[in-house]
């Protein structure tokens, strides 16, 4: 398998979190985000969004919505904003 290059995550609406009250939160910095996922091991990437990390219920990537695992929200060491 070849490495996969992901681009365009910084575009408006491409990557969002949705809180428990169904409000969306965008990236705090919307510079052009490019990620290369190698074929043997995936690196860990961190993204910072507006809103409180403990309130995240869903993540939306290119119009596809995923439920957030509660164990990650509860153990988050990211301060509330």
Protein backbone atom coordinates (compact mmCIF):
# COMPACT_ATOMS: atom_id res chain seq x y z
CA UNK A 1 0.00 0.00 0.00
CA UNK A 2 1.09 3.55 -0.65
CA UNK A 3 0.91 6.45 1.84
CA UNK A 4 -2.31 8.45 1.76
CA UNK A 5 -2.24 12.26 1.57
CA UNK A 6 -5.18 14.14 3.08
CA UNK A 7 -5.60 17.83 2.23
CA UNK A 8 -8.26 20.49 2.63
CA UNK A 9 -9.12 19.92 6.30
CA UNK A 10 -8.70 23.64 6.96
CA UNK A 11 -11.44 24.59 4.50
CA UNK A 12 -14.65 25.98 6.01
CA UNK A 13 -16.90 23.16 7.23
CA UNK A 14 -14.47 20.36 6.34
CA UNK A 15 -13.70 19.45 9.96
CA UNK A 16 -16.08 20.35 12.82
CA UNK A 17 -17.06 19.22 16.28
CA UNK A 18 -20.70 19.27 17.38
CA UNK A 19 -21.51 19.77 21.04
CA UNK A 20 -24.25 18.19 23.16
CA UNK A 21 -26.61 21.05 22.27
CA UNK A 22 -26.03 20.53 18.50
CA UNK A 23 -23.88 23.66 18.02
CA UNK A 24 -20.93 23.24 15.65
CA UNK A 25 -17.40 24.36 16.46
CA UNK A 26 -14.74 24.98 13.83
CA UNK A 27 -10.97 24.73 14.01
CA UNK A 28 -9.37 27.61 15.91
CA UNK A 29 -6.79 27.95 13.13
CA UNK A 30 -8.00 27.36 9.60
CA UNK A 31 -4.66 27.30 7.84
CA UNK A 32 -4.20 24.72 5.10
CA UNK A 33 -3.94 21.36 6.87
CA UNK A 34 -2.18 18.56 5.03
CA UNK A 35 -1.64 15.13 6.55
CA UNK A 36 0.26 12.16 5.14
CA UNK A 37 -0.67 8.78 6.60
CA UNK A 38 2.20 6.34 6.05
CA UNK A 39 1.47 2.82 4.88
CA UNK A 40 2.90 1.06 7.96
CA UNK A 41 1.95 3.19 10.97
CA UNK A 42 -0.34 6.15 11.43
CA UNK A 43 1.00 9.20 13.27
CA UNK A 44 -1.19 10.89 15.89
CA UNK A 45 -2.48 14.35 14.98
CA UNK A 46 -4.12 16.91 17.25
CA UNK A 47 -6.58 19.58 16.18
CA UNK A 48 -7.88 22.46 18.32
CA UNK A 49 -11.50 23.56 18.05
CA UNK A 50 -13.47 26.41 19.56
CA UNK A 51 -15.73 25.25 22.41
CA UNK A 52 -15.16 22.95 25.36
CA UNK A 53 -13.64 19.53 24.71
CA UNK A 54 -15.83 17.92 27.38
CA UNK A 55 -18.96 19.01 25.48
CA UNK A 56 -18.07 17.33 22.16
CA UNK A 57 -20.72 14.80 21.15
CA UNK A 58 -19.87 14.34 17.46
CA UNK A 59 -17.19 15.05 14.90
CA UNK A 60 -17.99 15.91 11.29
CA UNK A 61 -15.44 15.30 8.55
CA UNK A 62 -16.44 16.32 5.02
CA UNK A 63 -20.20 16.15 5.80
CA UNK A 64 -19.97 12.69 7.43
CA UNK A 65 -20.79 12.74 11.16
CA UNK A 66 -19.25 10.38 13.74
CA UNK A 67 -20.28 9.92 17.37
CA UNK A 68 -17.53 10.84 19.86
CA UNK A 69 -16.56 8.17 22.38
CA UNK A 70 -17.45 9.43 25.86
CA UNK A 71 -14.36 7.91 27.49
CA UNK A 72 -12.17 10.30 25.49
CA UNK A 73 -14.25 13.37 26.34
CA UNK A 74 -14.26 12.55 30.07
CA UNK A 75 -10.51 11.90 30.26
CA UNK A 76 -9.58 14.96 28.20
CA UNK A 77 -6.92 17.13 29.80
CA UNK A 78 -7.85 20.04 27.57
CA UNK A 79 -9.07 23.01 29.63
CA UNK A 80 -12.63 24.25 29.17
CA UNK A 81 -12.91 27.45 27.13
